Amino acid sequence: MSLTDDHFARKIAAQSKAWEETSDAPKKERSHEAAAPKMGICDKCKKEALLRSYRFRETSVSNGAASFGTVTKHLCEDCAPKSRAQKDAEVPKLNNKQIRNLMRSAKKGLL
């Protein structure tokens, strides 16, 4: 065995020993509830209301270098991003002409 093989063997043995010691420790129970809204000023509309914290990915470029990171913004209920379920629930109103065109295309098998 070379020196590097011996080094890695010792490293793996130390890691497995540490894993055995920590794996038996009881896990902390965490609640998966959303944080309660707090009063404050919304970062988007600047109105005072009940706010929740949302995390967004942000990219900024300065002096030719780009930086990536996550930013926490406090938003009110009106400015908060909508979930896909809420977006899907909002069905747009169609007038009679649009409904007729949809039915005609469905009959022809285009939909």
PDB file of N, CA and C in Angstrom:
ATOM      1  N   MET A   1       0.836  -1.186   0.000  1.00  0.00           N
ATOM      2  CA  MET A   1       0.000   0.000   0.000  1.00  0.00           C
ATOM      3  C   MET A   1       0.877   1.245   0.000  1.00  0.00           C
ATOM      4  N   SER A   2       0.415   2.234  -0.729  1.00  0.00           N
ATOM      5  CA  SER A   2       1.165   3.485  -0.735  1.00  0.00           C
ATOM      6  C   SER A   2       0.676   4.366   0.409  1.00  0.00           C
ATOM      7  N   LEU A   3       1.311   5.509   0.538  1.00  0.00           N
ATOM      8  CA  LEU A   3       0.935   6.423   1.618  1.00  0.00           C
ATOM      9  C   LEU A   3      -0.477   6.970   1.416  1.00  0.00           C
ATOM     10  N   THR A   4      -0.855   7.225   0.177  1.00  0.00           N
ATOM     11  CA  THR A   4      -2.195   7.775  -0.060  1.00  0.00           C
ATOM     12  C   THR A   4      -3.276   6.747   0.258  1.00  0.00           C
ATOM     13  N   ASP A   5      -3.023   5.476  -0.052  1.00  0.00           N
ATOM     14  CA  ASP A   5      -4.006   4.437   0.273  1.00  0.00           C
ATOM     15  C   ASP A   5      -4.204   4.332   1.777  1.00  0.00           C
ATOM     16  N   ASP A   6      -3.115   4.410   2.516  1.00  0.00           N
ATOM     17  CA  ASP A   6      -3.185   4.351   3.976  1.00  0.00           C
ATOM     18  C   ASP A   6      -3.926   5.568   4.522  1.00  0.00           C
ATOM     19  N   HIS A   7      -3.656   6.730   3.918  1.00  0.00           N
ATOM     20  CA  HIS A   7      -4.321   7.966   4.352  1.00  0.00           C
ATOM     21  C   HIS A   7      -5.832   7.860   4.152  1.00  0.00           C
ATOM     22  N   PHE A   8      -6.254   7.396   2.974  1.00  0.00           N
ATOM     23  CA  PHE A   8      -7.679   7.275   2.701  1.00  0.00           C
ATOM     24  C   PHE A   8      -8.328   6.191   3.553  1.00  0.00           C
ATOM     25  N   ALA A   9      -7.610   5.124   3.851  1.00  0.00           N
ATOM     26  CA  ALA A   9      -8.156   4.067   4.706  1.00  0.00           C
ATOM     27  C   ALA A   9      -8.415   4.607   6.104  1.00  0.00           C
ATOM     28  N   ARG A  10      -7.483   5.415   6.623  1.00  0.00           N
ATOM     29  CA  ARG A  10      -7.684   6.018   7.951  1.00  0.00           C
ATOM     30  C   ARG A  10      -8.840   7.016   7.919  1.00  0.00           C
ATOM     31  N   LYS A  11      -8.931   7.766   6.834  1.00  0.00           N
ATOM     32  CA  LYS A  11      -9.999   8.758   6.715  1.00  0.00           C
ATOM     33  C   LYS A  11     -11.368   8.076   6.681  1.00  0.00           C
ATOM     34  N   ILE A  12     -11.490   7.019   5.917  1.00  0.00           N
ATOM     35  CA  ILE A  12     -12.757   6.290   5.820  1.00  0.00           C
ATOM     36  C   ILE A  12     -13.113   5.645   7.154  1.00  0.00           C
ATOM     37  N   ALA A  13     -12.122   5.121   7.862  1.00  0.00           N
ATOM     38  CA  ALA A  13     -12.373   4.516   9.173  1.00  0.00           C
ATOM     39  C   ALA A  13     -12.869   5.569  10.154  1.00  0.00           C
ATOM     40  N   ALA A  14     -12.271   6.758  10.121  1.00  0.00           N
ATOM     41  CA  ALA A  14     -12.700   7.834  11.017  1.00  0.00           C
ATOM     42  C   ALA A  14     -14.119   8.285  10.679  1.00  0.00           C
ATOM     43  N   GLN A  15     -14.440   8.367   9.392  1.00  0.00           N
ATOM     44  CA  GLN A  15     -15.783   8.778   8.997  1.00  0.00           C
ATOM     45  C   GLN A  15     -16.830   7.747   9.404  1.00  0.00           C
ATOM     46  N   SER A  16     -16.518   6.479   9.249  1.00  0.00           N
ATOM     47  CA  SER A  16     -17.491   5.451   9.625  1.00  0.00           C
ATOM     48  C   SER A  16     -17.699   5.420  11.131  1.00  0.00           C
ATOM     49  N   LYS A  17     -16.628   5.673  11.899  1.00  0.00           N
ATOM     50  CA  LYS A  17     -16.754   5.724  13.357  1.00  0.00           C
ATOM     51  C   LYS A  17     -17.628   6.906  13.766  1.00  0.00           C
ATOM     52  N   ALA A  18     -17.402   8.063  13.143  1.00  0.00           N
ATOM     53  CA  ALA A  18     -18.209   9.244  13.451  1.00  0.00           C
ATOM     54  C   ALA A  18     -19.664   9.014  13.067  1.00  0.00           C
ATOM     55  N   TRP A  19     -19.903   8.323  11.957  1.00  0.00           N
ATOM     56  CA  TRP A  19     -21.263   8.036  11.516  1.00  0.00           C
ATOM     57  C   TRP A  19     -21.973   7.129  12.508  1.00  0.00           C
ATOM     58  N   GLU A  20     -21.286   6.128  13.009  1.00  0.00           N
ATOM     59  CA  GLU A  20     -21.889   5.215  13.977  1.00  0.00           C
ATOM     60  C   GLU A  20     -22.245   5.937  15.264  1.00  0.00           C
ATOM     61  N   GLU A  21     -21.411   6.880  15.687  1.00  0.00           N
ATOM     62  CA  GLU A  21     -21.680   7.607  16.930  1.00  0.00           C
ATOM     63  C   GLU A  21     -22.869   8.546  16.779  1.00  0.00           C
ATOM     64  N   THR A  22     -23.003   9.177  15.633  1.00  0.00           N
ATOM     65  CA  THR A  22     -24.073  10.160  15.459  1.00  0.00           C
ATOM     66  C   THR A  22     -25.368   9.546  14.954  1.00  0.00           C
ATOM     67  N   SER A  23     -25.323   8.381  14.334  1.00  0.00           N
ATOM     68  CA  SER A  23     -26.541   7.808  13.761  1.00  0.00           C
ATOM     69  C   SER A  23     -27.503   7.310  14.836  1.00  0.00           C
ATOM     70  N   ASP A  24     -27.015   6.987  16.022  1.00  0.00           N
ATOM     71  CA  ASP A  24     -27.892   6.502  17.085  1.00  0.00           C
ATOM     72  C   ASP A  24     -28.555   7.638  17.853  1.00  0.00           C
ATOM     73  N   ALA A  25     -28.114   8.868  17.643  1.00  0.00           N
ATOM     74  CA  ALA A  25     -28.684  10.008  18.359  1.00  0.00           C
ATOM     75  C   ALA A  25     -30.131  10.207  17.913  1.00  0.00           C
ATOM     76  N   PRO A  26     -31.040  10.500  18.859  1.00  0.00           N
ATOM     77  CA  PRO A  26     -32.441  10.695  18.476  1.00  0.00           C
ATOM     78  C   PRO A  26     -32.607  11.970  17.646  1.00  0.00           C
ATOM     79  N   LYS A  27     -33.472  11.907  16.660  1.00  0.00           N
ATOM     80  CA  LYS A  27     -33.738  13.051  15.791  1.00  0.00           C
ATOM     81  C   LYS A  27     -34.688  14.007  16.489  1.00  0.00           C
ATOM     82  N   LYS A  28     -34.474  15.295  16.259  1.00  0.00           N
ATOM     83  CA  LYS A  28     -35.367  16.301  16.821  1.00  0.00           C
ATOM     84  C   LYS A  28     -36.627  16.371  15.966  1.00  0.00           C
ATOM     85  N   GLU A  29     -37.754  16.440  16.636  1.00  0.00           N
ATOM     86  CA  GLU A  29     -39.012  16.562  15.918  1.00  0.00           C
ATOM     87  C   GLU A  29     -39.214  18.026  15.560  1.00  0.00           C
ATOM     88  N   ARG A  30     -39.468  18.266  14.294  1.00  0.00           N
ATOM     89  CA  ARG A  30     -39.668  19.632  13.827  1.00  0.00           C
ATOM     90  C   ARG A  30     -41.076  19.759  13.272  1.00  0.00           C
ATOM     91  N   SER A  31     -41.681  20.877  13.559  1.00  0.00           N
ATOM     92  CA  SER A  31     -43.020  21.111  13.025  1.00  0.00           C
ATOM     93  C   SER A  31     -42.886  21.709  11.629  1.00  0.00           C
ATOM     94  N   HIS A  32     -43.733  21.254  10.730  1.00  0.00           N
ATOM     95  CA  HIS A  32     -43.694  21.726   9.356  1.00  0.00           C
ATOM     96  C   HIS A  32     -44.825  22.716   9.106  1.00  0.00           C
ATOM     97  N   GLU A  33     -44.987  23.645  10.007  1.00  0.00           N
ATOM     98  CA  GLU A  33     -46.033  24.639   9.866  1.00  0.00           C
ATOM     99  C   GLU A  33     -45.423  25.936   9.353  1.00  0.00           C
ATOM    100  N   ALA A  34     -46.202  26.671   8.594  1.00  0.00           N
ATOM    101  CA  ALA A  34     -45.733  27.957   8.100  1.00  0.00           C
ATOM    102  C   ALA A  34     -45.666  28.946   9.258  1.00  0.00           C
ATOM    103  N   ALA A  35     -44.719  29.857   9.169  1.00  0.00           N
ATOM    104  CA  ALA A  35     -44.570  30.866  10.214  1.00  0.00           C
ATOM    105  C   ALA A  35     -45.784  31.795  10.197  1.00  0.00           C
ATOM    106  N   ALA A  36     -46.167  32.266  11.365  1.00  0.00           N
ATOM    107  CA  ALA A  36     -47.310  33.161  11.473  1.00  0.00           C
ATOM    108  C   ALA A  36     -46.955  34.511  10.851  1.00  0.00           C
ATOM    109  N   PRO A  37     -47.903  35.147  10.163  1.00  0.00           N
ATOM    110  CA  PRO A  37     -47.606  36.451   9.562  1.00  0.00           C
ATOM    111  C   PRO A  37     -47.388  37.513  10.630  1.00  0.00           C
ATOM    112  N   LYS A  38     -46.527  38.481  10.307  1.00  0.00           N
ATOM    113  CA  LYS A  38     -46.204  39.558  11.240  1.00  0.00           C
ATOM    114  C   LYS A  38     -46.503  40.897  10.583  1.00  0.00           C
ATOM    115  N   MET A  39     -46.809  41.883  11.398  1.00  0.00           N
ATOM    116  CA  MET A  39     -47.074  43.224  10.888  1.00  0.00           C
ATOM    117  C   MET A  39     -45.774  43.858  10.418  1.00  0.00           C
ATOM    118  N   GLY A  40     -45.843  44.573   9.314  1.00  0.00           N
ATOM    119  CA  GLY A  40     -44.674  45.263   8.789  1.00  0.00           C
ATOM    120  C   GLY A  40     -45.006  45.937   7.473  1.00  0.00           C
ATOM    121  N   ILE A  41     -43.965  46.429   6.796  1.00  0.00           N
ATOM    122  CA  ILE A  41     -44.136  47.120   5.526  1.00  0.00           C
ATOM    123  C   ILE A  41     -43.701  46.192   4.402  1.00  0.00           C
ATOM    124  N   CYS A  42     -44.566  46.018   3.426  1.00  0.00           N
ATOM    125  CA  CYS A  42     -44.316  45.122   2.301  1.00  0.00           C
ATOM    126  C   CYS A  42     -43.157  45.657   1.458  1.00  0.00           C
ATOM    127  N   ASP A  43     -42.266  44.764   1.029  1.00  0.00           N
ATOM    128  CA  ASP A  43     -41.121  45.167   0.218  1.00  0.00           C
ATOM    129  C   ASP A  43     -41.527  45.569  -1.196  1.00  0.00           C
ATOM    130  N   LYS A  44     -42.668  45.100  -1.673  1.00  0.00           N
ATOM    131  CA  LYS A  44     -43.070  45.372  -3.050  1.00  0.00           C
ATOM    132  C   LYS A  44     -43.977  46.595  -3.161  1.00  0.00           C
ATOM    133  N   CYS A  45     -45.072  46.605  -2.402  1.00  0.00           N
ATOM    134  CA  CYS A  45     -46.041  47.699  -2.528  1.00  0.00           C
ATOM    135  C   CYS A  45     -45.879  48.776  -1.458  1.00  0.00           C
ATOM    136  N   LYS A  46     -45.022  48.554  -0.493  1.00  0.00           N
ATOM    137  CA  LYS A  46     -44.698  49.521   0.569  1.00  0.00           C
ATOM    138  C   LYS A  46     -45.895  49.885   1.441  1.00  0.00           C
ATOM    139  N   LYS A  47     -46.869  48.965   1.568  1.00  0.00           N
ATOM    140  CA  LYS A  47     -48.012  49.188   2.452  1.00  0.00           C
ATOM    141  C   LYS A  47     -47.805  48.411   3.739  1.00  0.00           C
ATOM    142  N   GLU A  48     -48.392  48.906   4.809  1.00  0.00           N
ATOM    143  CA  GLU A  48     -48.295  48.202   6.085  1.00  0.00           C
ATOM    144  C   GLU A  48     -49.403  47.152   6.146  1.00  0.00           C
ATOM    145  N   ALA A  49     -48.992  45.916   6.359  1.00  0.00           N
ATOM    146  CA  ALA A  49     -49.946  44.808   6.390  1.00  0.00           C
ATOM    147  C   ALA A  49     -49.292  43.619   7.073  1.00  0.00           C
ATOM    148  N   LEU A  50     -50.049  42.520   7.182  1.00  0.00           N
ATOM    149  CA  LEU A  50     -49.481  41.277   7.689  1.00  0.00           C
ATOM    150  C   LEU A  50     -48.571  40.689   6.616  1.00  0.00           C
ATOM    151  N   LEU A  51     -47.345  40.357   6.992  1.00  0.00           N
ATOM    152  CA  LEU A  51     -46.339  39.915   6.025  1.00  0.00           C
ATOM    153  C   LEU A  51     -45.892  38.493   6.292  1.00  0.00           C
ATOM    154  N   ARG A  52     -45.518  37.813   5.218  1.00  0.00           N
ATOM    155  CA  ARG A  52     -44.867  36.507   5.292  1.00  0.00           C
ATOM    156  C   ARG A  52     -43.545  36.613   4.556  1.00  0.00           C
ATOM    157  N   SER A  53     -42.596  35.771   4.943  1.00  0.00           N
ATOM    158  CA  SER A  53     -41.276  35.776   4.316  1.00  0.00           C
ATOM    159  C   SER A  53     -41.254  34.793   3.150  1.00  0.00           C
ATOM    160  N   TYR A  54     -40.711  35.235   2.036  1.00  0.00           N
ATOM    161  CA  TYR A  54     -40.555  34.401   0.847  1.00  0.00           C
ATOM    162  C   TYR A  54     -39.110  34.488   0.385  1.00  0.00           C
ATOM    163  N   ARG A  55     -38.578  33.361  -0.094  1.00  0.00           N
ATOM    164  CA  ARG A  55     -37.204  33.321  -0.581  1.00  0.00           C
ATOM    165  C   ARG A  55     -37.215  33.326  -2.107  1.00  0.00           C
ATOM    166  N   PHE A  56     -36.376  34.187  -2.689  1.00  0.00           N
ATOM    167  CA  PHE A  56     -36.258  34.314  -4.132  1.00  0.00           C
ATOM    168  C   PHE A  56     -34.802  34.166  -4.529  1.00  0.00           C
ATOM    169  N   ARG A  57     -34.577  33.610  -5.714  1.00  0.00           N
ATOM    170  CA  ARG A  57     -33.226  33.572  -6.270  1.00  0.00           C
ATOM    171  C   ARG A  57     -32.971  34.889  -6.974  1.00  0.00           C
ATOM    172  N   GLU A  58     -31.778  35.428  -6.781  1.00  0.00           N
ATOM    173  CA  GLU A  58     -31.460  36.715  -7.373  1.00  0.00           C
ATOM    174  C   GLU A  58     -30.092  36.663  -8.025  1.00  0.00           C
ATOM    175  N   THR A  59     -29.976  37.304  -9.178  1.00  0.00           N
ATOM    176  CA  THR A  59     -28.712  37.412  -9.896  1.00  0.00           C
ATOM    177  C   THR A  59     -28.401  38.886 -10.054  1.00  0.00           C
ATOM    178  N   SER A  60     -27.184  39.279  -9.732  1.00  0.00           N
ATOM    179  CA  SER A  60     -26.781  40.665  -9.932  1.00  0.00           C
ATOM    180  C   SER A  60     -25.426  40.689 -10.628  1.00  0.00           C
ATOM    181  N   VAL A  61     -25.239  41.683 -11.483  1.00  0.00           N
ATOM    182  CA  VAL A  61     -23.995  41.820 -12.232  1.00  0.00           C
ATOM    183  C   VAL A  61     -23.386  43.167 -11.894  1.00  0.00           C
ATOM    184  N   SER A  62     -22.127  43.158 -11.480  1.00  0.00           N
ATOM    185  CA  SER A  62     -21.417  44.404 -11.214  1.00  0.00           C
ATOM    186  C   SER A  62     -19.970  44.235 -11.644  1.00  0.00           C
ATOM    187  N   ASN A  63     -19.480  45.178 -12.416  1.00  0.00           N
ATOM    188  CA  ASN A  63     -18.104  45.166 -12.929  1.00  0.00           C
ATOM    189  C   ASN A  63     -17.796  43.895 -13.706  1.00  0.00           C
ATOM    190  N   GLY A  64     -18.757  43.395 -14.447  1.00  0.00           N
ATOM    191  CA  GLY A  64     -18.535  42.214 -15.270  1.00  0.00           C
ATOM    192  C   GLY A  64     -18.612  40.896 -14.536  1.00  0.00           C
ATOM    193  N   ALA A  65     -18.801  40.912 -13.226  1.00  0.00           N
ATOM    194  CA  ALA A  65     -18.887  39.672 -12.454  1.00  0.00           C
ATOM    195  C   ALA A  65     -20.333  39.459 -12.012  1.00  0.00           C
ATOM    196  N   ALA A  66     -20.821  38.256 -12.188  1.00  0.00           N
ATOM    197  CA  ALA A  66     -22.190  37.922 -11.796  1.00  0.00           C
ATOM    198  C   ALA A  66     -22.172  37.226 -10.444  1.00  0.00           C
ATOM    199  N   SER A  67     -23.129  37.585  -9.611  1.00  0.00           N
ATOM    200  CA  SER A  67     -23.260  36.909  -8.323  1.00  0.00           C
ATOM    201  C   SER A  67     -24.672  36.347  -8.220  1.00  0.00           C
ATOM    202  N   PHE A  68     -24.767  35.157  -7.671  1.00  0.00           N
ATOM    203  CA  PHE A  68     -26.040  34.461  -7.525  1.00  0.00           C
ATOM    204  C   PHE A  68     -26.296  34.257  -6.039  1.00  0.00           C
ATOM    205  N   GLY A  69     -27.550  34.356  -5.637  1.00  0.00           N
ATOM    206  CA  GLY A  69     -27.866  34.106  -4.243  1.00  0.00           C
ATOM    207  C   GLY A  69     -29.357  34.110  -4.016  1.00  0.00           C
ATOM    208  N   THR A  70     -29.731  33.813  -2.788  1.00  0.00           N
ATOM    209  CA  THR A  70     -31.138  33.848  -2.414  1.00  0.00           C
ATOM    210  C   THR A  70     -31.374  35.056  -1.526  1.00  0.00           C
ATOM    211  N   VAL A  71     -32.508  35.690  -1.747  1.00  0.00           N
ATOM    212  CA  VAL A  71     -32.876  36.886  -1.005  1.00  0.00           C
ATOM    213  C   VAL A  71     -34.213  36.622  -0.334  1.00  0.00           C
ATOM    214  N   THR A  72     -34.355  37.035   0.909  1.00  0.00           N
ATOM    215  CA  THR A  72     -35.618  36.905   1.626  1.00  0.00           C
ATOM    216  C   THR A  72     -36.367  38.224   1.537  1.00  0.00           C
ATOM    217  N   LYS A  73     -37.594  38.168   1.039  1.00  0.00           N
ATOM    218  CA  LYS A  73     -38.427  39.361   0.936  1.00  0.00           C
ATOM    219  C   LYS A  73     -39.678  39.145   1.767  1.00  0.00           C
ATOM    220  N   HIS A  74     -40.134  40.211   2.392  1.00  0.00           N
ATOM    221  CA  HIS A  74     -41.341  40.172   3.214  1.00  0.00           C
ATOM    222  C   HIS A  74     -42.471  40.787   2.395  1.00  0.00           C
ATOM    223  N   LEU A  75     -43.461  39.952   2.053  1.00  0.00           N
ATOM    224  CA  LEU A  75     -44.537  40.383   1.169  1.00  0.00           C
ATOM    225  C   LEU A  75     -45.899  40.193   1.819  1.00  0.00           C
ATOM    226  N   CYS A  76     -46.835  41.079   1.448  1.00  0.00           N
ATOM    227  CA  CYS A  76     -48.208  40.971   1.947  1.00  0.00           C
ATOM    228  C   CYS A  76     -48.959  39.930   1.116  1.00  0.00           C
ATOM    229  N   GLU A  77     -50.201  39.665   1.487  1.00  0.00           N
ATOM    230  CA  GLU A  77     -50.996  38.638   0.805  1.00  0.00           C
ATOM    231  C   GLU A  77     -51.238  38.990  -0.665  1.00  0.00           C
ATOM    232  N   ASP A  78     -51.404  40.288  -0.970  1.00  0.00           N
ATOM    233  CA  ASP A  78     -51.688  40.694  -2.345  1.00  0.00           C
ATOM    234  C   ASP A  78     -50.466  40.544  -3.247  1.00  0.00           C
ATOM    235  N   CYS A  79     -49.277  40.813  -2.718  1.00  0.00           N
ATOM    236  CA  CYS A  79     -48.048  40.773  -3.516  1.00  0.00           C
ATOM    237  C   CYS A  79     -47.382  39.403  -3.507  1.00  0.00           C
ATOM    238  N   ALA A  80     -47.820  38.519  -2.650  1.00  0.00           N
ATOM    239  CA  ALA A  80     -47.180  37.209  -2.515  1.00  0.00           C
ATOM    240  C   ALA A  80     -47.346  36.402  -3.794  1.00  0.00           C
ATOM    241  N   PRO A  81     -46.342  35.594  -4.140  1.00  0.00           N
ATOM    242  CA  PRO A  81     -46.469  34.755  -5.339  1.00  0.00           C
ATOM    243  C   PRO A  81     -47.561  33.709  -5.141  1.00  0.00           C
ATOM    244  N   LYS A  82     -48.317  33.468  -6.195  1.00  0.00           N
ATOM    245  CA  LYS A  82     -49.414  32.508  -6.107  1.00  0.00           C
ATOM    246  C   LYS A  82     -48.903  31.117  -6.424  1.00  0.00           C
ATOM    247  N   SER A  83     -49.489  30.142  -5.785  1.00  0.00           N
ATOM    248  CA  SER A  83     -49.114  28.757  -6.053  1.00  0.00           C
ATOM    249  C   SER A  83     -49.744  28.316  -7.370  1.00  0.00           C
ATOM    250  N   ARG A  84     -49.267  27.210  -7.902  1.00  0.00           N
ATOM    251  CA  ARG A  84     -49.812  26.708  -9.164  1.00  0.00           C
ATOM    252  C   ARG A  84     -51.274  26.321  -9.012  1.00  0.00           C
ATOM    253  N   ALA A  85     -51.644  25.828  -7.840  1.00  0.00           N
ATOM    254  CA  ALA A  85     -53.035  25.429  -7.617  1.00  0.00           C
ATOM    255  C   ALA A  85     -53.949  26.647  -7.702  1.00  0.00           C
ATOM    256  N   GLN A  86     -53.495  27.787  -7.155  1.00  0.00           N
ATOM    257  CA  GLN A  86     -54.304  28.998  -7.222  1.00  0.00           C
ATOM    258  C   GLN A  86     -54.396  29.515  -8.652  1.00  0.00           C
ATOM    259  N   LYS A  87     -53.283  29.427  -9.397  1.00  0.00           N
ATOM    260  CA  LYS A  87     -53.301  29.897 -10.785  1.00  0.00           C
ATOM    261  C   LYS A  87     -54.221  29.038 -11.637  1.00  0.00           C
ATOM    262  N   ASP A  88     -54.204  27.725 -11.393  1.00  0.00           N
ATOM    263  CA  ASP A  88     -55.059  26.829 -12.161  1.00  0.00           C
ATOM    264  C   ASP A  88     -56.528  27.013 -11.810  1.00  0.00           C
ATOM    265  N   ALA A  89     -56.807  27.433 -10.580  1.00  0.00           N
ATOM    266  CA  ALA A  89     -58.191  27.607 -10.146  1.00  0.00           C
ATOM    267  C   ALA A  89     -58.829  28.834 -10.788  1.00  0.00           C
ATOM    268  N   GLU A  90     -58.007  29.797 -11.202  1.00  0.00           N
ATOM    269  CA  GLU A  90     -58.539  31.011 -11.810  1.00  0.00           C
ATOM    270  C   GLU A  90     -58.773  30.757 -13.303  1.00  0.00           C
ATOM    271  N   VAL A  91     -59.988  30.421 -13.637  1.00  0.00           N
ATOM    272  CA  VAL A  91     -60.338  30.137 -15.029  1.00  0.00           C
ATOM    273  C   VAL A  91     -60.762  31.450 -15.677  1.00  0.00           C
ATOM    274  N   PRO A  92     -60.172  31.798 -16.824  1.00  0.00           N
ATOM    275  CA  PRO A  92     -60.562  33.059 -17.464  1.00  0.00           C
ATOM    276  C   PRO A  92     -61.980  32.977 -18.023  1.00  0.00           C
ATOM    277  N   LYS A  93     -62.667  34.101 -18.000  1.00  0.00           N
ATOM    278  CA  LYS A  93     -64.017  34.173 -18.553  1.00  0.00           C
ATOM    279  C   LYS A  93     -63.919  34.215 -20.072  1.00  0.00           C
ATOM    280  N   LEU A  94     -64.688  33.381 -20.728  1.00  0.00           N
ATOM    281  CA  LEU A  94     -64.709  33.340 -22.184  1.00  0.00           C
ATOM    282  C   LEU A  94     -66.044  33.877 -22.680  1.00  0.00           C
ATOM    283  N   ASN A  95     -65.971  34.636 -23.776  1.00  0.00           N
ATOM    284  CA  ASN A  95     -67.232  35.102 -24.350  1.00  0.00           C
ATOM    285  C   ASN A  95     -67.784  34.021 -25.279  1.00  0.00           C
ATOM    286  N   ASN A  96     -68.973  34.259 -25.826  1.00  0.00           N
ATOM    287  CA  ASN A  96     -69.652  33.235 -26.638  1.00  0.00           C
ATOM    288  C   ASN A  96     -68.848  32.852 -27.872  1.00  0.00           C
ATOM    289  N   LYS A  97     -68.187  33.819 -28.495  1.00  0.00           N
ATOM    290  CA  LYS A  97     -67.417  33.538 -29.710  1.00  0.00           C
ATOM    291  C   LYS A  97     -66.233  32.623 -29.404  1.00  0.00           C
ATOM    292  N   GLN A  98     -65.546  32.878 -28.290  1.00  0.00           N
ATOM    293  CA  GLN A  98     -64.402  32.045 -27.910  1.00  0.00           C
ATOM    294  C   GLN A  98     -64.853  30.624 -27.573  1.00  0.00           C
ATOM    295  N   ILE A  99     -65.981  30.501 -26.893  1.00  0.00           N
ATOM    296  CA  ILE A  99     -66.511  29.175 -26.549  1.00  0.00           C
ATOM    297  C   ILE A  99     -66.872  28.413 -27.821  1.00  0.00           C
ATOM    298  N   ARG A 100     -67.513  29.104 -28.777  1.00  0.00           N
ATOM    299  CA  ARG A 100     -67.886  28.471 -30.039  1.00  0.00           C
ATOM    300  C   ARG A 100     -66.641  27.981 -30.790  1.00  0.00           C
ATOM    301  N   ASN A 101     -65.587  28.793 -30.820  1.00  0.00           N
ATOM    302  CA  ASN A 101     -64.350  28.396 -31.500  1.00  0.00           C
ATOM    303  C   ASN A 101     -63.692  27.203 -30.813  1.00  0.00           C
ATOM    304  N   LEU A 102     -63.720  27.173 -29.484  1.00  0.00           N
ATOM    305  CA  LEU A 102     -63.156  26.033 -28.756  1.00  0.00           C
ATOM    306  C   LEU A 102     -63.935  24.759 -29.049  1.00  0.00           C
ATOM    307  N   MET A 103     -65.251  24.864 -29.067  1.00  0.00           N
ATOM    308  CA  MET A 103     -66.075  23.691 -29.346  1.00  0.00           C
ATOM    309  C   MET A 103     -65.846  23.190 -30.777  1.00  0.00           C
ATOM    310  N   ARG A 104     -65.709  24.124 -31.727  1.00  0.00           N
ATOM    311  CA  ARG A 104     -65.475  23.740 -33.121  1.00  0.00           C
ATOM    312  C   ARG A 104     -64.125  23.031 -33.260  1.00  0.00           C
ATOM    313  N   SER A 105     -63.093  23.552 -32.607  1.00  0.00           N
ATOM    314  CA  SER A 105     -61.771  22.915 -32.701  1.00  0.00           C
ATOM    315  C   SER A 105     -61.765  21.562 -31.982  1.00  0.00           C
ATOM    316  N   ALA A 106     -62.537  21.436 -30.905  1.00  0.00           N
ATOM    317  CA  ALA A 106     -62.624  20.145 -30.215  1.00  0.00           C
ATOM    318  C   ALA A 106     -63.345  19.124 -31.093  1.00  0.00           C
ATOM    319  N   LYS A 107     -64.372  19.576 -31.812  1.00  0.00           N
ATOM    320  CA  LYS A 107     -65.114  18.676 -32.692  1.00  0.00           C
ATOM    321  C   LYS A 107     -64.225  18.173 -33.833  1.00  0.00           C
ATOM    322  N   LYS A 108     -63.348  19.051 -34.332  1.00  0.00           N
ATOM    323  CA  LYS A 108     -62.446  18.663 -35.421  1.00  0.00           C
ATOM    324  C   LYS A 108     -61.260  17.843 -34.920  1.00  0.00           C
ATOM    325  N   GLY A 109     -61.131  17.751 -33.621  1.00  0.00           N
ATOM    326  CA  GLY A 109     -60.040  16.951 -33.052  1.00  0.00           C
ATOM    327  C   GLY A 109     -58.735  17.712 -32.941  1.00  0.00           C
ATOM    328  N   LEU A 110     -58.804  19.024 -32.925  1.00  0.00           N
ATOM    329  CA  LEU A 110     -57.584  19.822 -32.815  1.00  0.00           C
ATOM    330  C   LEU A 110     -57.122  19.967 -31.372  1.00  0.00           C
ATOM    331  N   LEU A 111     -58.028  19.782 -30.441  1.00  0.00           N
ATOM    332  CA  LEU A 111     -57.634  19.904 -29.023  1.00  0.00           C
ATOM    333  C   LEU A 111     -57.332  18.560 -28.430  1.00  0.00           C
TER     334      LEU A 111
END
